[in-house]
Amino acid sequence: MPHYDYRHSECNFEFERVYKIIDLEIPLQEPCPNCGKMGVEIIIGAPAIGDPVSLGIQKPDPAFQKMLGRIRDKAGPRSTIGKNSRFNIPREL
């Protein structure tokens, strides 16, 4: 689900919530979690984009790792494939 940023117009308290797109306006009808007054606004910002593998959140699929290992092995010892890779590909694949 997407993350949304909000700010209270008076106390400038900023906070983040995770909502379905359809529910993104729920905090606009609720008081500020900091001061308890109404007046919360959505902050429009740049979306966070990145795939979970390159961000280190998730490991590559084992089948993908195996395929990269086979490519590296076929490329031979003089190849640079896998030497500067972000993926830790075990030799035994």
Protein backbone atom coordinates (compact mmCIF):
# COMPACT_ATOMS: atom_id res chain seq x y z
CA MET A 1 0.00 0.00 0.00
CA PRO A 2 1.20 3.55 -0.65
CA HIS A 3 2.61 5.83 2.03
CA TYR A 4 1.13 9.32 2.33
CA ASP A 5 2.59 12.35 4.10
CA TYR A 6 0.41 14.77 6.04
CA ARG A 7 1.02 18.10 7.82
CA HIS A 8 -1.10 20.09 10.23
CA SER A 9 -1.58 23.65 8.97
CA GLU A 10 -1.12 25.32 12.39
CA CYS A 11 1.50 23.35 14.35
CA ASN A 12 3.31 22.09 11.19
CA PHE A 13 3.51 18.56 12.63
CA GLU A 14 4.28 16.10 9.81
CA PHE A 15 3.38 12.43 9.86
CA GLU A 16 3.11 9.50 7.50
CA ARG A 17 0.33 6.94 7.11
CA VAL A 18 -0.18 3.86 4.95
CA TYR A 19 -3.60 3.72 3.31
CA LYS A 20 -5.31 2.31 0.27
CA ILE A 21 -5.63 4.97 -2.40
CA ILE A 22 -9.35 5.19 -1.75
CA ASP A 23 -8.69 6.00 1.95
CA LEU A 24 -5.98 8.65 1.57
CA GLU A 25 -8.30 11.46 2.77
CA ILE A 26 -9.19 9.82 6.10
CA PRO A 27 -6.66 11.90 8.11
CA LEU A 28 -8.13 15.10 6.64
CA GLN A 29 -11.31 14.52 8.67
CA GLU A 30 -9.41 13.66 11.88
CA PRO A 31 -7.60 15.91 14.37
CA CYS A 32 -3.83 16.32 14.31
CA PRO A 33 -2.09 13.57 16.31
CA ASN A 34 0.23 16.22 17.81
CA CYS A 35 -2.04 19.10 18.89
CA GLY A 36 -5.53 17.59 18.52
CA LYS A 37 -6.86 20.38 16.28
CA MET A 38 -8.46 19.98 12.86
CA GLY A 39 -6.60 21.21 9.77
CA VAL A 40 -4.52 18.29 8.49
CA GLU A 41 -3.41 18.58 4.84
CA ILE A 42 -1.83 16.13 2.40
CA ILE A 43 1.78 16.91 1.48
CA ILE A 44 2.44 16.29 -2.20
CA GLY A 45 5.91 14.91 -2.72
CA ALA A 46 7.91 12.68 -4.99
CA PRO A 47 6.96 9.01 -4.82
CA ALA A 48 9.51 6.55 -3.50
CA ILE A 49 10.39 4.24 -6.35
CA GLY A 50 12.72 1.29 -6.14
CA ASP A 51 12.62 -2.42 -6.51
CA PRO A 52 12.96 -4.49 -3.33
CA VAL A 53 15.95 -6.49 -4.62
CA SER A 54 18.20 -3.51 -5.37
CA LEU A 55 17.13 -1.87 -2.10
CA GLY A 56 18.18 -4.97 -0.18
CA ILE A 57 14.69 -5.64 1.17
CA GLN A 58 14.25 -8.90 -0.71
CA LYS A 59 16.70 -11.46 -2.08
CA PRO A 60 16.53 -12.37 -5.77
CA ASP A 61 14.47 -15.41 -6.60
CA PRO A 62 16.51 -18.66 -6.29
CA ALA A 63 15.76 -19.55 -9.91
CA PHE A 64 17.11 -16.17 -11.00
CA GLN A 65 20.26 -16.66 -8.92
CA LYS A 66 20.76 -20.12 -10.44
CA MET A 67 20.39 -18.73 -13.96
CA LEU A 68 22.97 -15.99 -13.26
CA GLY A 69 25.33 -18.62 -11.86
CA ARG A 70 25.06 -20.68 -15.04
CA ILE A 71 25.68 -17.63 -17.21
CA ARG A 72 28.75 -16.76 -15.14
CA ASP A 73 30.08 -20.31 -15.38
CA LYS A 74 29.61 -20.43 -19.17
CA ALA A 75 31.32 -17.07 -19.58
CA GLY A 76 34.60 -18.49 -18.32
CA PRO A 77 37.28 -17.35 -15.86
CA ARG A 78 38.25 -14.17 -17.75
CA SER A 79 34.72 -12.79 -17.67
CA THR A 80 33.71 -9.98 -15.36
CA ILE A 81 30.17 -11.33 -15.05
CA GLY A 82 29.33 -11.72 -11.38
CA LYS A 83 32.53 -10.07 -10.10
CA ASN A 84 31.01 -6.63 -9.64
CA SER A 85 27.46 -7.85 -9.18
CA ARG A 86 25.26 -6.67 -6.33
CA PHE A 87 24.00 -10.24 -6.06
CA ASN A 88 25.91 -12.78 -4.04
CA ILE A 89 25.81 -15.75 -6.42
CA PRO A 90 27.21 -18.92 -4.89
CA ARG A 91 29.71 -20.86 -7.03
CA GLU A 92 27.89 -24.18 -6.59
CA LEU A 93 24.92 -23.09 -8.72
